[in-house]
Amino acid sequence: MQQKYLYTTMLLALLTGCSQSVSDYNNETPVLKLSEFFQGESKAWGVLHNWQGKQSVRFSAELCGSWQENNGNLYELFHFSDGRVEQRHWQLQQAADGTVTGTAGDVVGKATGQLAGNALYWQYTLRIPYNGDTLDVKVKDWMYLIDNENLINRSTLHKFGLNVGELTLSIQQQNKNADCAALQEKIVQLVRTQAE
């Protein structure tokens, strides 16, 4: 009887220990401030794994952000190992309590998140190209600031409540004082080419 109780207790501890809350990171430093980390130019490198854990595609990205008080624009240009090039323009708002909201062209509705300490938990529905059509997947992002120039992002992708992929991304700040005009122009050219 005691052994059965012990196994049950261990199982419950494992199950409850698997989840995390953004408040777990309240005291972690350095503190992640989006208007500081995503200001100016950054570079990113990542790998996408399918539901079996197998690497499906690699990518690098150019990022540039600009902020006015608590409102930010973040431009992203992705170069995938299969030859695809994609872009995203986030419009972000950060409230005094650490709540973050955002919109982007390939995001359905509004993204929502919460900052705490060195972390951001962020979730949204992403519309992705799939077999000549589109597919909506739920994305759950965990971002962790490692130091003032480096951030790790771990994302899980879900469809019908099932995990269909996982993404690991490293972002490194390059030039805080950079203007975003050059990257914006690259994105405009890409959109124009894709529309032809």
Protein backbone atom coordinates (compact mmCIF):
# COMPACT_ATOMS: atom_id res chain seq x y z
CA MET A 1 0.00 0.00 0.00
CA GLN A 2 2.81 2.41 0.93
CA GLN A 3 4.66 1.52 -2.27
CA LYS A 4 1.57 2.28 -4.38
CA TYR A 5 1.17 5.63 -2.58
CA LEU A 6 4.84 6.43 -3.23
CA TYR A 7 4.49 5.65 -6.98
CA THR A 8 1.35 7.80 -7.21
CA THR A 9 3.07 10.69 -5.42
CA MET A 10 6.12 10.44 -7.72
CA LEU A 11 3.90 10.36 -10.82
CA LEU A 12 1.98 13.43 -9.68
CA ALA A 13 5.24 15.24 -8.91
CA LEU A 14 6.56 14.44 -12.39
CA LEU A 15 3.36 15.56 -14.09
CA THR A 16 3.08 18.82 -12.19
CA GLY A 17 6.83 19.42 -12.52
CA CYS A 18 6.58 19.35 -16.32
CA SER A 19 4.68 22.63 -16.58
CA GLN A 20 6.12 26.09 -16.05
CA SER A 21 4.66 29.49 -15.34
CA VAL A 22 6.18 32.76 -16.49
CA SER A 23 6.04 33.93 -12.86
CA ASP A 24 8.67 31.26 -12.09
CA TYR A 25 11.19 33.68 -13.64
CA ASN A 26 10.26 36.88 -11.75
CA ASN A 27 13.65 37.05 -10.03
CA GLU A 28 15.82 36.01 -12.97
CA THR A 29 18.26 38.53 -14.42
CA PRO A 30 19.12 40.21 -16.68
CA VAL A 31 15.55 41.51 -17.04
CA LEU A 32 14.14 41.16 -20.56
CA LYS A 33 12.89 44.49 -21.91
CA LEU A 34 11.62 44.14 -25.46
CA SER A 35 12.23 47.82 -26.24
CA GLU A 36 15.91 47.32 -25.40
CA PHE A 37 16.68 43.86 -26.78
CA PHE A 38 14.65 44.25 -30.00
CA GLN A 39 16.03 47.72 -30.74
CA GLY A 40 18.12 48.01 -33.89
CA GLU A 41 19.62 45.09 -35.82
CA SER A 42 19.76 41.47 -34.69
CA LYS A 43 20.60 38.16 -36.34
CA ALA A 44 18.98 34.80 -35.62
CA TRP A 45 19.66 31.13 -36.35
CA GLY A 46 17.21 28.29 -35.85
CA VAL A 47 16.13 24.72 -36.47
CA LEU A 48 12.60 23.39 -36.91
CA HIS A 49 11.87 19.81 -35.83
CA ASN A 50 8.80 17.83 -36.88
CA TRP A 51 6.53 15.95 -34.47
CA GLN A 52 8.95 13.00 -34.49
CA GLY A 53 11.83 15.23 -33.35
CA LYS A 54 13.56 15.08 -36.74
CA GLN A 55 15.15 18.22 -38.13
CA SER A 56 12.97 19.39 -41.00
CA VAL A 57 14.49 22.75 -41.92
CA ARG A 58 17.17 25.21 -40.78
CA PHE A 59 17.09 28.96 -41.16
CA SER A 60 18.80 32.24 -40.47
CA ALA A 61 17.05 35.58 -40.07
CA GLU A 62 17.68 39.30 -40.17
CA LEU A 63 15.72 41.32 -37.60
CA CYS A 64 15.36 45.02 -36.93
CA GLY A 65 13.24 46.78 -34.34
CA SER A 66 12.28 50.35 -33.59
CA TRP A 67 10.31 51.63 -30.59
CA GLN A 68 8.43 54.73 -29.53
CA GLU A 69 7.76 54.41 -25.81
CA ASN A 70 5.86 51.09 -25.41
CA ASN A 71 4.99 50.59 -29.10
CA GLY A 72 7.38 48.72 -31.36
CA ASN A 73 7.82 47.55 -34.93
CA LEU A 74 9.87 44.41 -35.43
CA TYR A 75 10.82 43.41 -38.98
CA GLU A 76 11.96 39.83 -39.69
CA LEU A 77 13.40 38.32 -42.88
CA PHE A 78 13.90 34.53 -42.86
CA HIS A 79 16.18 32.50 -45.17
CA PHE A 80 15.35 28.76 -45.03
CA SER A 81 17.62 25.86 -45.98
CA ASP A 82 15.06 24.67 -48.55
CA GLY A 83 15.37 27.96 -50.46
CA ARG A 84 12.27 29.73 -49.12
CA VAL A 85 12.47 33.35 -48.03
CA GLU A 86 9.72 34.70 -45.77
CA GLN A 87 9.07 37.92 -43.90
CA ARG A 88 7.06 39.11 -40.93
CA HIS A 89 6.32 42.57 -39.54
CA TRP A 90 5.28 42.56 -35.89
CA GLN A 91 3.48 45.54 -34.37
CA LEU A 92 4.00 45.20 -30.63
CA GLN A 93 2.66 46.87 -27.51
CA GLN A 94 4.07 46.39 -24.01
CA ALA A 95 2.08 47.47 -20.93
CA ALA A 96 3.56 48.58 -17.62
CA ASP A 97 2.59 45.25 -15.98
CA GLY A 98 4.65 43.29 -18.54
CA THR A 99 1.68 42.26 -20.68
CA VAL A 100 2.63 42.11 -24.38
CA THR A 101 0.30 42.08 -27.39
CA GLY A 102 1.09 42.02 -31.08
CA THR A 103 -0.20 41.60 -34.60
CA ALA A 104 1.44 40.46 -37.85
CA GLY A 105 0.25 39.70 -41.37
CA ASP A 106 0.44 35.90 -40.98
CA VAL A 107 -0.88 35.86 -37.41
CA VAL A 108 -4.59 35.16 -36.93
CA GLY A 109 -6.04 37.65 -34.45
CA LYS A 110 -3.79 38.98 -31.71
CA ALA A 111 -0.70 37.49 -30.08
CA THR A 112 -0.59 37.77 -26.30
CA GLY A 113 2.19 37.32 -23.79
CA GLN A 114 3.63 38.13 -20.39
CA LEU A 115 7.11 39.24 -19.36
CA ALA A 116 8.68 38.21 -16.05
CA GLY A 117 12.35 38.54 -15.14
CA ASN A 118 14.47 37.28 -18.04
CA ALA A 119 11.56 35.49 -19.75
CA LEU A 120 8.62 36.08 -22.09
CA TYR A 121 5.79 33.58 -22.59
CA TRP A 122 4.07 34.39 -25.87
CA GLN A 123 1.29 32.59 -27.80
CA TYR A 124 -0.51 33.12 -31.08
CA THR A 125 -2.04 31.37 -34.09
CA LEU A 126 0.22 31.36 -37.14
CA ARG A 127 -1.12 30.82 -40.67
CA ILE A 128 1.51 28.90 -42.66
CA PRO A 129 1.66 27.72 -46.30
CA TYR A 130 0.86 24.00 -46.56
CA ASN A 131 0.43 21.82 -49.69
CA GLY A 132 -0.71 24.71 -51.86
CA ASP A 133 -3.07 25.99 -49.17
CA THR A 134 -2.66 27.33 -45.63
CA LEU A 135 -2.75 25.76 -42.20
CA ASP A 136 -3.37 27.48 -38.86
CA VAL A 137 -1.15 26.29 -36.01
CA LYS A 138 -1.06 27.41 -32.40
CA VAL A 139 2.42 28.62 -31.40
CA LYS A 140 3.65 28.74 -27.80
CA ASP A 141 6.90 30.67 -27.43
CA TRP A 142 9.25 30.78 -24.46
CA MET A 143 11.99 33.40 -24.75
CA TYR A 144 14.89 33.56 -22.29
CA LEU A 145 17.39 36.41 -22.16
CA ILE A 146 20.85 34.89 -21.59
CA ASP A 147 22.78 38.16 -21.42
CA ASN A 148 22.28 41.65 -22.84
CA GLU A 149 23.07 40.53 -26.41
CA ASN A 150 21.75 36.94 -26.59
CA LEU A 151 18.30 35.39 -26.34
CA ILE A 152 17.10 31.78 -26.77
CA ASN A 153 13.59 31.13 -28.09
CA ARG A 154 11.90 27.73 -27.80
CA SER A 155 8.59 27.31 -29.62
CA THR A 156 6.12 24.46 -29.79
CA LEU A 157 3.58 24.22 -32.61
CA HIS A 158 0.18 22.62 -31.99
CA LYS A 159 -2.74 21.53 -34.17
CA PHE A 160 -5.92 20.00 -32.70
CA GLY A 161 -4.15 20.02 -29.32
CA LEU A 162 -1.29 17.84 -30.62
CA ASN A 163 2.35 18.86 -30.79
CA VAL A 164 3.23 19.00 -34.53
CA GLY A 165 6.64 20.63 -34.33
CA GLU A 166 9.24 22.41 -32.26
CA LEU A 167 11.52 25.31 -33.08
CA THR A 168 14.74 26.37 -31.38
CA LEU A 169 16.04 29.84 -32.18
CA SER A 170 19.04 31.86 -31.04
CA ILE A 171 18.90 35.66 -31.45
CA GLN A 172 21.94 37.90 -31.12
CA GLN A 173 21.74 41.67 -30.99
CA GLN A 174 24.14 43.25 -33.51
CA ASN A 175 23.71 47.03 -33.60
CA LYS A 176 21.33 48.83 -31.24
CA ASN A 177 21.66 52.09 -33.15
CA ALA A 178 20.90 50.69 -36.61
CA ASP A 179 18.11 52.15 -38.70
CA CYS A 180 15.55 49.65 -40.03
CA ALA A 181 15.13 51.28 -43.45
CA ALA A 182 17.46 48.85 -45.26
CA LEU A 183 15.67 45.75 -43.96
CA GLN A 184 12.28 47.31 -44.62
CA GLU A 185 13.33 47.88 -48.25
CA LYS A 186 14.43 44.23 -48.57
CA ILE A 187 11.02 43.14 -47.28
CA VAL A 188 9.19 45.46 -49.69
CA GLN A 189 11.20 43.99 -52.60
CA LEU A 190 10.45 40.43 -51.44
CA VAL A 191 6.70 41.11 -51.17
CA ARG A 192 6.73 42.72 -54.60
CA THR A 193 8.57 39.73 -56.14
CA GLN A 194 6.26 37.20 -54.50
CA ALA A 195 3.19 39.09 -55.79
CA GLU A 196 4.39 38.93 -59.43
